Amino acid sequence: MNILPTEIPDVLIIEPRVFQDDRGFFLESYNGKAFVEKAGITEQFVQDNHSRSCQNVLRGLHYQIEQVQGKLVRAIMGTVFDVAVDIRKQSPTFGQWVSCLLSAENKRMLWVPAGFAHGFMVVSEVAEVLYKTTDYYAPQHERCILWNDPDLAIDWPITDEPILSPKDKAGKPFKSADLYP
């Protein structure tokens, strides 16, 4: 496993070791011991989620204000532009964001710790995303920041109008969102 730092030290890009031959490939997508030793990720995962979306679907920027979730995100089909935004008021990187491309081809994963809003946009024809979470989904605590908030100025790879859910269309501006202390 190879750990790639990002501009926000708490967010990590993880490249699993891939064994590939003419039959296909094998990789270990999660090993608790290796994650602790190589990435310092000690959190336990309690829920796995799987989504399928078509091109230009944008999901996010989501987080839970209570039952805060860390997420380990990967694309198993297609490619997504994945984003993590630091919404921890006391953090030196508060209000900053990082992104990376996650794809079935590069097999990378993004570790998005608790205290971050998360979102992704599908840049391939279709994409399937799997992510592990460190706490359970709690709709009563879910919040959403506007994907195109001018204060965050996320450089989404937009070629057409993104496809949004009603919840994502109604996201709050960063300045008025419920954030972490």
N, C-alpha and C. Protein backbone atom coordinates (compact mmCIF):
# COMPACT_ATOMS: atom_id res chain seq x y z
N MET A 1 0.85 -1.17 0.00
CA MET A 1 0.00 0.00 0.00
C MET A 1 0.90 1.24 0.00
N ASN A 2 0.53 2.20 -0.83
CA ASN A 2 1.27 3.44 -0.93
C ASN A 2 0.37 4.57 -0.45
N ILE A 3 0.88 5.42 0.46
CA ILE A 3 0.11 6.53 1.00
C ILE A 3 0.63 7.82 0.37
N LEU A 4 -0.28 8.56 -0.27
CA LEU A 4 0.06 9.84 -0.89
C LEU A 4 -0.55 10.96 -0.08
N PRO A 5 0.27 11.89 0.41
CA PRO A 5 -0.29 13.02 1.16
C PRO A 5 -1.01 13.98 0.22
N THR A 6 -1.90 14.78 0.80
CA THR A 6 -2.57 15.84 0.05
C THR A 6 -2.21 17.17 0.70
N GLU A 7 -2.72 18.27 0.15
CA GLU A 7 -2.45 19.59 0.71
C GLU A 7 -3.04 19.74 2.11
N ILE A 8 -4.02 18.90 2.44
CA ILE A 8 -4.58 18.87 3.80
C ILE A 8 -4.07 17.57 4.43
N PRO A 9 -3.17 17.67 5.41
CA PRO A 9 -2.49 16.48 5.93
C PRO A 9 -3.40 15.35 6.41
N ASP A 10 -4.61 15.66 6.89
CA ASP A 10 -5.50 14.61 7.40
C ASP A 10 -6.16 13.80 6.29
N VAL A 11 -6.22 14.33 5.08
CA VAL A 11 -6.83 13.64 3.95
C VAL A 11 -5.72 12.91 3.19
N LEU A 12 -5.94 11.63 2.93
CA LEU A 12 -4.91 10.81 2.30
C LEU A 12 -5.43 10.11 1.05
N ILE A 13 -4.56 9.98 0.06
CA ILE A 13 -4.84 9.15 -1.10
C ILE A 13 -4.12 7.83 -0.85
N ILE A 14 -4.84 6.75 -0.99
CA ILE A 14 -4.29 5.43 -0.71
C ILE A 14 -4.28 4.62 -2.00
N GLU A 15 -3.10 4.13 -2.35
CA GLU A 15 -2.95 3.27 -3.52
C GLU A 15 -2.69 1.85 -3.03
N PRO A 16 -3.64 0.95 -3.25
CA PRO A 16 -3.42 -0.43 -2.82
C PRO A 16 -2.40 -1.13 -3.71
N ARG A 17 -1.81 -2.16 -3.19
CA ARG A 17 -0.92 -2.98 -4.00
C ARG A 17 -1.79 -3.85 -4.90
N VAL A 18 -1.55 -3.79 -6.19
CA VAL A 18 -2.37 -4.51 -7.17
C VAL A 18 -1.53 -5.61 -7.81
N PHE A 19 -2.06 -6.80 -7.79
CA PHE A 19 -1.41 -7.94 -8.43
C PHE A 19 -2.21 -8.24 -9.70
N GLN A 20 -1.57 -8.04 -10.85
CA GLN A 20 -2.29 -8.15 -12.11
C GLN A 20 -1.55 -9.10 -13.05
N ASP A 21 -2.33 -9.91 -13.77
CA ASP A 21 -1.77 -10.77 -14.80
C ASP A 21 -2.83 -10.97 -15.88
N ASP A 22 -2.63 -11.91 -16.77
CA ASP A 22 -3.57 -12.09 -17.89
C ASP A 22 -4.95 -12.57 -17.44
N ARG A 23 -5.08 -13.01 -16.20
CA ARG A 23 -6.39 -13.44 -15.68
C ARG A 23 -7.21 -12.29 -15.15
N GLY A 24 -6.54 -11.18 -14.81
CA GLY A 24 -7.22 -10.05 -14.19
C GLY A 24 -6.35 -9.45 -13.11
N PHE A 25 -6.95 -9.08 -11.97
CA PHE A 25 -6.17 -8.49 -10.89
C PHE A 25 -6.73 -8.90 -9.53
N PHE A 26 -5.92 -8.67 -8.51
CA PHE A 26 -6.30 -8.87 -7.12
C PHE A 26 -5.73 -7.71 -6.33
N LEU A 27 -6.53 -7.18 -5.39
CA LEU A 27 -6.02 -6.17 -4.47
C LEU A 27 -6.73 -6.34 -3.14
N GLU A 28 -6.05 -5.91 -2.11
CA GLU A 28 -6.63 -5.89 -0.77
C GLU A 28 -7.15 -4.47 -0.57
N SER A 29 -8.47 -4.30 -0.56
CA SER A 29 -9.03 -2.95 -0.47
C SER A 29 -9.03 -2.42 0.96
N TYR A 30 -8.99 -3.30 1.93
CA TYR A 30 -8.92 -2.85 3.31
C TYR A 30 -8.27 -3.92 4.18
N ASN A 31 -7.32 -3.49 4.99
CA ASN A 31 -6.67 -4.34 5.97
C ASN A 31 -6.42 -3.45 7.18
N GLY A 32 -7.15 -3.68 8.25
CA GLY A 32 -7.07 -2.81 9.42
C GLY A 32 -5.66 -2.62 9.94
N LYS A 33 -4.89 -3.68 10.02
CA LYS A 33 -3.52 -3.59 10.53
C LYS A 33 -2.66 -2.71 9.62
N ALA A 34 -2.75 -2.91 8.32
CA ALA A 34 -1.97 -2.11 7.37
C ALA A 34 -2.38 -0.64 7.40
N PHE A 35 -3.67 -0.37 7.55
CA PHE A 35 -4.14 1.01 7.59
C PHE A 35 -3.60 1.74 8.82
N VAL A 36 -3.52 1.03 9.95
CA VAL A 36 -2.96 1.63 11.17
C VAL A 36 -1.46 1.87 10.98
N GLU A 37 -0.75 0.84 10.53
CA GLU A 37 0.71 0.92 10.42
C GLU A 37 1.18 1.90 9.36
N LYS A 38 0.54 1.92 8.21
CA LYS A 38 1.04 2.73 7.10
C LYS A 38 0.38 4.10 6.97
N ALA A 39 -0.89 4.21 7.41
CA ALA A 39 -1.60 5.48 7.23
C ALA A 39 -2.01 6.12 8.55
N GLY A 40 -1.87 5.40 9.64
CA GLY A 40 -2.28 5.94 10.94
C GLY A 40 -3.78 6.02 11.11
N ILE A 41 -4.53 5.29 10.29
CA ILE A 41 -5.99 5.29 10.37
C ILE A 41 -6.41 4.20 11.35
N THR A 42 -6.89 4.63 12.52
CA THR A 42 -7.26 3.69 13.58
C THR A 42 -8.77 3.51 13.69
N GLU A 43 -9.53 4.32 12.99
CA GLU A 43 -10.98 4.26 13.08
C GLU A 43 -11.50 2.92 12.60
N GLN A 44 -12.61 2.50 13.19
CA GLN A 44 -13.27 1.27 12.76
C GLN A 44 -14.43 1.65 11.84
N PHE A 45 -14.59 0.84 10.82
CA PHE A 45 -15.68 1.08 9.87
C PHE A 45 -16.89 0.24 10.27
N VAL A 46 -18.08 0.86 10.17
CA VAL A 46 -19.30 0.20 10.62
C VAL A 46 -20.34 0.04 9.51
N GLN A 47 -20.15 0.71 8.38
CA GLN A 47 -21.15 0.67 7.32
C GLN A 47 -20.47 0.81 5.97
N ASP A 48 -20.93 0.04 4.98
CA ASP A 48 -20.46 0.16 3.60
C ASP A 48 -21.62 0.67 2.76
N ASN A 49 -21.32 1.61 1.87
CA ASN A 49 -22.32 2.18 0.96
C ASN A 49 -21.85 2.00 -0.48
N HIS A 50 -22.81 1.87 -1.39
CA HIS A 50 -22.51 1.63 -2.81
C HIS A 50 -23.48 2.49 -3.61
N SER A 51 -22.95 3.34 -4.48
CA SER A 51 -23.82 4.16 -5.34
C SER A 51 -23.43 3.96 -6.80
N ARG A 52 -24.40 4.14 -7.66
CA ARG A 52 -24.18 4.12 -9.11
C ARG A 52 -24.78 5.40 -9.64
N SER A 53 -24.04 6.11 -10.47
CA SER A 53 -24.48 7.39 -11.00
C SER A 53 -24.03 7.54 -12.44
N CYS A 54 -24.81 8.32 -13.19
CA CYS A 54 -24.43 8.59 -14.58
C CYS A 54 -23.58 9.85 -14.67
N GLN A 55 -23.03 10.08 -15.84
CA GLN A 55 -22.15 11.22 -16.07
C GLN A 55 -22.83 12.54 -15.67
N ASN A 56 -22.04 13.43 -15.06
CA ASN A 56 -22.46 14.75 -14.61
C ASN A 56 -23.30 14.76 -13.34
N VAL A 57 -23.54 13.57 -12.75
CA VAL A 57 -24.19 13.57 -11.44
C VAL A 57 -23.17 14.10 -10.44
N LEU A 58 -23.62 15.04 -9.64
CA LEU A 58 -22.78 15.59 -8.57
C LEU A 58 -23.50 15.32 -7.26
N ARG A 59 -22.82 14.65 -6.35
CA ARG A 59 -23.37 14.33 -5.04
C ARG A 59 -22.55 15.06 -3.98
N GLY A 60 -23.21 15.90 -3.20
CA GLY A 60 -22.48 16.57 -2.13
C GLY A 60 -22.72 18.06 -2.14
N LEU A 61 -22.15 18.64 -1.22
CA LEU A 61 -21.12 18.30 -0.26
C LEU A 61 -21.80 17.87 1.05
N HIS A 62 -21.70 16.59 1.40
CA HIS A 62 -22.44 16.01 2.50
C HIS A 62 -21.57 15.80 3.74
N TYR A 63 -22.22 15.85 4.89
CA TYR A 63 -21.60 15.52 6.17
C TYR A 63 -22.69 15.36 7.21
N GLN A 64 -22.33 14.82 8.36
CA GLN A 64 -23.25 14.71 9.49
C GLN A 64 -22.69 15.54 10.63
N ILE A 65 -23.54 16.38 11.22
CA ILE A 65 -23.11 17.26 12.30
C ILE A 65 -22.97 16.49 13.62
N GLU A 66 -23.71 15.41 13.77
CA GLU A 66 -23.55 14.46 14.87
C GLU A 66 -23.43 13.09 14.23
N GLN A 67 -22.95 12.11 15.01
CA GLN A 67 -22.62 10.80 14.43
C GLN A 67 -21.72 11.03 13.22
N VAL A 68 -20.68 11.81 13.47
CA VAL A 68 -19.75 12.26 12.44
C VAL A 68 -19.08 11.06 11.76
N GLN A 69 -19.02 11.10 10.45
CA GLN A 69 -18.49 9.98 9.68
C GLN A 69 -17.15 10.30 9.02
N GLY A 70 -16.18 9.41 9.21
CA GLY A 70 -15.02 9.36 8.35
C GLY A 70 -15.40 8.44 7.19
N LYS A 71 -14.82 8.66 6.02
CA LYS A 71 -15.17 7.86 4.84
C LYS A 71 -13.92 7.40 4.11
N LEU A 72 -13.93 6.16 3.69
CA LEU A 72 -12.90 5.61 2.82
C LEU A 72 -13.60 5.34 1.49
N VAL A 73 -13.26 6.13 0.47
CA VAL A 73 -14.02 6.17 -0.78
C VAL A 73 -13.20 5.60 -1.92
N ARG A 74 -13.86 4.81 -2.79
CA ARG A 74 -13.19 4.31 -4.00
C ARG A 74 -14.22 4.09 -5.10
N ALA A 75 -13.77 4.21 -6.33
CA ALA A 75 -14.62 3.95 -7.49
C ALA A 75 -14.28 2.56 -8.02
N ILE A 76 -15.30 1.73 -8.20
CA ILE A 76 -15.05 0.39 -8.73
C ILE A 76 -15.46 0.28 -10.19
N MET A 77 -16.12 1.31 -10.70
CA MET A 77 -16.46 1.40 -12.12
C MET A 77 -16.43 2.87 -12.49
N GLY A 78 -15.81 3.20 -13.61
CA GLY A 78 -15.78 4.58 -14.07
C GLY A 78 -14.83 5.45 -13.29
N THR A 79 -15.07 6.78 -13.40
CA THR A 79 -14.18 7.77 -12.78
C THR A 79 -15.00 8.87 -12.14
N VAL A 80 -14.58 9.27 -10.93
CA VAL A 80 -15.21 10.39 -10.25
C VAL A 80 -14.15 11.39 -9.82
N PHE A 81 -14.56 12.65 -9.81
CA PHE A 81 -13.76 13.74 -9.25
C PHE A 81 -14.24 13.86 -7.82
N ASP A 82 -13.39 13.50 -6.87
CA ASP A 82 -13.77 13.38 -5.47
C ASP A 82 -13.20 14.56 -4.68
N VAL A 83 -14.01 15.11 -3.76
CA VAL A 83 -13.64 16.33 -3.04
C VAL A 83 -13.88 16.16 -1.54
N ALA A 84 -12.93 16.66 -0.75
CA ALA A 84 -13.07 16.74 0.70
C ALA A 84 -12.82 18.19 1.12
N VAL A 85 -13.72 18.73 1.95
CA VAL A 85 -13.64 20.12 2.42
C VAL A 85 -13.51 20.11 3.93
N ASP A 86 -12.50 20.77 4.45
CA ASP A 86 -12.28 20.85 5.89
C ASP A 86 -13.28 21.84 6.48
N ILE A 87 -14.20 21.35 7.32
CA ILE A 87 -15.20 22.22 7.95
C ILE A 87 -15.04 22.23 9.47
N ARG A 88 -13.82 22.00 9.94
CA ARG A 88 -13.49 22.06 11.36
C ARG A 88 -12.99 23.48 11.67
N LYS A 89 -13.80 24.25 12.39
CA LYS A 89 -13.49 25.67 12.63
C LYS A 89 -12.12 25.89 13.26
N GLN A 90 -11.66 24.98 14.08
CA GLN A 90 -10.37 25.15 14.77
C GLN A 90 -9.18 24.64 13.96
N SER A 91 -9.42 24.12 12.78
CA SER A 91 -8.35 23.53 11.97
C SER A 91 -7.56 24.60 11.22
N PRO A 92 -6.25 24.41 11.09
CA PRO A 92 -5.46 25.35 10.28
C PRO A 92 -5.81 25.31 8.79
N THR A 93 -6.50 24.25 8.36
CA THR A 93 -6.91 24.16 6.95
C THR A 93 -8.42 24.36 6.78
N PHE A 94 -9.06 24.99 7.79
CA PHE A 94 -10.51 25.25 7.73
C PHE A 94 -10.87 25.97 6.43
N GLY A 95 -11.90 25.45 5.76
CA GLY A 95 -12.39 26.07 4.53
C GLY A 95 -11.62 25.69 3.28
N GLN A 96 -10.57 24.90 3.44
CA GLN A 96 -9.80 24.46 2.27
C GLN A 96 -10.35 23.12 1.77
N TRP A 97 -10.09 22.84 0.51
CA TRP A 97 -10.55 21.59 -0.09
C TRP A 97 -9.41 20.95 -0.87
N VAL A 98 -9.53 19.63 -1.01
CA VAL A 98 -8.62 18.86 -1.86
C VAL A 98 -9.48 17.95 -2.73
N SER A 99 -8.91 17.57 -3.85
CA SER A 99 -9.62 16.69 -4.77
C SER A 99 -8.67 15.68 -5.38
N CYS A 100 -9.24 14.63 -5.91
CA CYS A 100 -8.46 13.67 -6.69
C CYS A 100 -9.43 12.89 -7.57
N LEU A 101 -8.88 12.29 -8.61
CA LEU A 101 -9.67 11.40 -9.45
C LEU A 101 -9.57 10.00 -8.88
N LEU A 102 -10.71 9.40 -8.65
CA LEU A 102 -10.79 8.00 -8.24
C LEU A 102 -11.39 7.24 -9.41
N SER A 103 -10.76 6.14 -9.78
CA SER A 103 -11.29 5.40 -10.93
C SER A 103 -11.08 3.91 -10.74
N ALA A 104 -11.82 3.14 -11.53
CA ALA A 104 -11.63 1.69 -11.56
C ALA A 104 -10.23 1.38 -12.06
N GLU A 105 -9.70 2.23 -12.92
CA GLU A 105 -8.36 1.99 -13.47
C GLU A 105 -7.25 2.27 -12.46
N ASN A 106 -7.30 3.43 -11.80
CA ASN A 106 -6.19 3.75 -10.88
C ASN A 106 -6.33 3.08 -9.51
N LYS A 107 -7.53 2.62 -9.19
CA LYS A 107 -7.80 1.86 -7.96
C LYS A 107 -7.46 2.62 -6.68
N ARG A 108 -7.31 3.92 -6.78
CA ARG A 108 -7.02 4.73 -5.61
C ARG A 108 -8.23 4.84 -4.70
N MET A 109 -7.95 5.11 -3.41
CA MET A 109 -8.98 5.37 -2.43
C MET A 109 -8.67 6.72 -1.79
N LEU A 110 -9.70 7.41 -1.31
CA LEU A 110 -9.50 8.66 -0.61
C LEU A 110 -10.00 8.48 0.81
N TRP A 111 -9.13 8.79 1.79
CA TRP A 111 -9.52 8.80 3.19
C TRP A 111 -9.98 10.21 3.53
N VAL A 112 -11.27 10.33 3.87
CA VAL A 112 -11.89 11.59 4.24
C VAL A 112 -12.24 11.47 5.73
N PRO A 113 -11.45 12.07 6.60
CA PRO A 113 -11.71 11.92 8.03
C PRO A 113 -12.97 12.64 8.49
N ALA A 114 -13.42 12.28 9.68
CA ALA A 114 -14.54 13.00 10.30
C ALA A 114 -14.16 14.48 10.39
N GLY A 115 -15.16 15.34 10.20
CA GLY A 115 -14.91 16.78 10.24
C GLY A 115 -14.78 17.40 8.85
N PHE A 116 -15.05 16.60 7.84
CA PHE A 116 -14.95 17.07 6.46
C PHE A 116 -16.29 16.87 5.76
N ALA A 117 -16.63 17.80 4.87
CA ALA A 117 -17.74 17.60 3.95
C ALA A 117 -17.17 16.86 2.74
N HIS A 118 -17.98 16.03 2.12
CA HIS A 118 -17.51 15.19 1.02
C HIS A 118 -18.49 15.26 -0.15
N GLY A 119 -17.94 15.21 -1.35
CA GLY A 119 -18.77 15.15 -2.54
C GLY A 119 -17.98 14.61 -3.71
N PHE A 120 -18.70 14.21 -4.74
CA PHE A 120 -18.02 13.77 -5.96
C PHE A 120 -18.89 14.05 -7.17
N MET A 121 -18.22 14.14 -8.32
CA MET A 121 -18.89 14.33 -9.60
C MET A 121 -18.42 13.23 -10.54
N VAL A 122 -19.37 12.62 -11.24
CA VAL A 122 -19.04 11.55 -12.17
C VAL A 122 -18.56 12.16 -13.48
N VAL A 123 -17.34 11.80 -13.88
CA VAL A 123 -16.77 12.34 -15.12
C VAL A 123 -16.74 11.31 -16.25
N SER A 124 -17.04 10.05 -15.93
CA SER A 124 -17.14 9.01 -16.96
C SER A 124 -18.62 8.83 -17.32
N GLU A 125 -18.90 7.95 -18.26
CA GLU A 125 -20.29 7.71 -18.66
C GLU A 125 -21.14 7.24 -17.49
N VAL A 126 -20.58 6.40 -16.65
CA VAL A 126 -21.24 5.90 -15.45
C VAL A 126 -20.15 5.60 -14.43
N ALA A 127 -20.49 5.64 -13.17
CA ALA A 127 -19.52 5.28 -12.13
C ALA A 127 -20.24 4.60 -10.97
N GLU A 128 -19.54 3.67 -10.37
CA GLU A 128 -20.01 3.06 -9.13
C GLU A 128 -18.97 3.36 -8.06
N VAL A 129 -19.46 3.84 -6.93
CA VAL A 129 -18.59 4.25 -5.83
C VAL A 129 -18.95 3.42 -4.61
N LEU A 130 -17.91 2.89 -3.95
CA LEU A 130 -18.06 2.19 -2.68
C LEU A 130 -17.38 3.03 -1.62
N TYR A 131 -18.02 3.17 -0.48
CA TYR A 131 -17.32 3.84 0.61
C TYR A 131 -17.72 3.25 1.95
N LYS A 132 -16.71 3.14 2.78
CA LYS A 132 -16.85 2.67 4.14
C LYS A 132 -17.02 3.89 5.03
N THR A 133 -17.83 3.78 6.08
CA THR A 133 -18.01 4.89 7.01
C THR A 133 -17.70 4.46 8.44
N THR A 134 -17.28 5.43 9.25
CA THR A 134 -16.92 5.16 10.63
C THR A 134 -18.09 5.32 11.60
N ASP A 135 -19.22 5.79 11.10
CA ASP A 135 -20.44 5.84 11.91
C ASP A 135 -21.62 5.61 10.98
N TYR A 136 -22.76 5.34 11.58
CA TYR A 136 -23.95 5.01 10.79
C TYR A 136 -24.60 6.25 10.22
N TYR A 137 -25.30 6.06 9.11
CA TYR A 137 -26.05 7.14 8.49
C TYR A 137 -27.15 7.59 9.44
N ALA A 138 -27.25 8.88 9.67
CA ALA A 138 -28.25 9.46 10.56
C ALA A 138 -28.88 10.65 9.84
N PRO A 139 -29.98 10.43 9.12
CA PRO A 139 -30.56 11.51 8.31
C PRO A 139 -30.90 12.77 9.10
N GLN A 140 -31.24 12.63 10.37
CA GLN A 140 -31.57 13.80 11.19
C GLN A 140 -30.35 14.70 11.43
N HIS A 141 -29.15 14.17 11.25
CA HIS A 141 -27.93 14.95 11.46
C HIS A 141 -27.23 15.31 10.15
N GLU A 142 -27.79 14.88 9.03
CA GLU A 142 -27.15 15.13 7.74
C GLU A 142 -27.29 16.60 7.36
N ARG A 143 -26.20 17.12 6.79
CA ARG A 143 -26.18 18.50 6.31
C ARG A 143 -25.57 18.50 4.91
N CYS A 144 -25.79 19.61 4.20
CA CYS A 144 -25.26 19.73 2.84
C CYS A 144 -24.84 21.18 2.60
N ILE A 145 -23.62 21.34 2.11
CA ILE A 145 -23.11 22.65 1.70
C ILE A 145 -23.24 22.72 0.19
N LEU A 146 -23.61 23.88 -0.32
CA LEU A 146 -23.75 24.07 -1.77
C LEU A 146 -22.47 23.67 -2.50
N TRP A 147 -22.62 22.87 -3.51
CA TRP A 147 -21.49 22.36 -4.27
C TRP A 147 -20.70 23.49 -4.94
N ASN A 148 -21.42 24.58 -5.30
CA ASN A 148 -20.78 25.68 -6.03
C ASN A 148 -20.62 26.93 -5.17
N ASP A 149 -20.46 26.74 -3.87
CA ASP A 149 -20.31 27.87 -2.96
C ASP A 149 -19.12 28.74 -3.40
N PRO A 150 -19.33 30.04 -3.58
CA PRO A 150 -18.25 30.90 -4.06
C PRO A 150 -17.09 31.05 -3.07
N ASP A 151 -17.35 30.91 -1.78
CA ASP A 151 -16.26 31.01 -0.80
C ASP A 151 -15.34 29.80 -0.86
N LEU A 152 -15.88 28.65 -1.20
CA LEU A 152 -15.04 27.45 -1.34
C LEU A 152 -14.36 27.42 -2.70
N ALA A 153 -15.06 27.87 -3.73
CA ALA A 153 -14.52 27.95 -5.10
C ALA A 153 -13.89 26.63 -5.55
N ILE A 154 -14.64 25.55 -5.40
CA ILE A 154 -14.15 24.24 -5.85
C ILE A 154 -14.11 24.23 -7.37
N ASP A 155 -13.02 23.77 -7.91
CA ASP A 155 -12.81 23.75 -9.36
C ASP A 155 -13.32 22.43 -9.94
N TRP A 156 -14.64 22.27 -9.94
CA TRP A 156 -15.26 21.06 -10.48
C TRP A 156 -14.99 20.98 -11.98
N PRO A 157 -14.80 19.78 -12.53
CA PRO A 157 -14.56 19.63 -13.98
C PRO A 157 -15.87 19.62 -14.75
N ILE A 158 -16.56 20.73 -14.73
CA ILE A 158 -17.90 20.81 -15.31
C ILE A 158 -17.83 21.10 -16.80
N THR A 159 -18.51 20.26 -17.57
CA THR A 159 -18.65 20.50 -19.01
C THR A 159 -20.11 20.77 -19.36
N ASP A 160 -21.02 20.21 -18.58
CA ASP A 160 -22.46 20.43 -18.73
C ASP A 160 -23.02 20.74 -17.34
N GLU A 161 -24.26 21.19 -17.31
CA GLU A 161 -24.91 21.46 -16.03
C GLU A 161 -24.93 20.18 -15.20
N PRO A 162 -24.46 20.22 -13.94
CA PRO A 162 -24.47 19.00 -13.13
C PRO A 162 -25.89 18.55 -12.79
N ILE A 163 -26.05 17.27 -12.61
CA ILE A 163 -27.32 16.67 -12.22
C ILE A 163 -27.31 16.55 -10.71
N LEU A 164 -28.25 17.22 -10.05
CA LEU A 164 -28.29 17.31 -8.59
C LEU A 164 -29.59 16.76 -8.04
N SER A 165 -29.52 16.22 -6.83
CA SER A 165 -30.73 15.83 -6.12
C SER A 165 -31.37 17.09 -5.54
N PRO A 166 -32.66 17.02 -5.18
CA PRO A 166 -33.28 18.18 -4.52
C PRO A 166 -32.51 18.59 -3.26
N LYS A 167 -32.02 17.62 -2.50
CA LYS A 167 -31.26 17.91 -1.28
C LYS A 167 -30.00 18.70 -1.61
N ASP A 168 -29.30 18.31 -2.68
CA ASP A 168 -28.07 19.00 -3.04
C ASP A 168 -28.34 20.39 -3.61
N LYS A 169 -29.45 20.55 -4.31
CA LYS A 169 -29.83 21.88 -4.81
C LYS A 169 -30.13 22.83 -3.66
N ALA A 170 -30.60 22.29 -2.53
CA ALA A 170 -30.98 23.10 -1.38
C ALA A 170 -29.85 23.23 -0.36
N GLY A 171 -28.62 22.87 -0.73
CA GLY A 171 -27.49 22.97 0.19
C GLY A 171 -27.32 24.40 0.69
N LYS A 172 -26.71 24.52 1.85
CA LYS A 172 -26.50 25.85 2.46
C LYS A 172 -25.17 26.44 2.02
N PRO A 173 -25.10 27.76 1.98
CA PRO A 173 -23.80 28.41 1.75
C PRO A 173 -22.84 28.05 2.89
N PHE A 174 -21.57 28.00 2.56
CA PHE A 174 -20.56 27.66 3.55
C PHE A 174 -20.63 28.58 4.77
N LYS A 175 -20.81 29.87 4.56
CA LYS A 175 -20.84 30.84 5.66
C LYS A 175 -21.98 30.63 6.64
N SER A 176 -23.08 30.02 6.20
CA SER A 176 -24.23 29.84 7.10
C SER A 176 -24.48 28.36 7.45
N ALA A 177 -23.59 27.48 7.05
CA ALA A 177 -23.77 26.05 7.33
C ALA A 177 -23.41 25.73 8.78
N ASP A 178 -24.04 24.68 9.32
CA ASP A 178 -23.64 24.14 10.61
C ASP A 178 -22.28 23.49 10.42
N LEU A 179 -21.28 23.93 11.18
CA LEU A 179 -19.93 23.41 11.02
C LEU A 179 -19.45 22.83 12.34
N TYR A 180 -18.32 22.17 12.30
CA TYR A 180 -17.74 21.57 13.50
C TYR A 180 -16.98 22.61 14.29
N PRO A 181 -16.96 22.45 15.62
CA PRO A 181 -16.21 23.41 16.45
C PRO A 181 -14.72 23.41 16.13
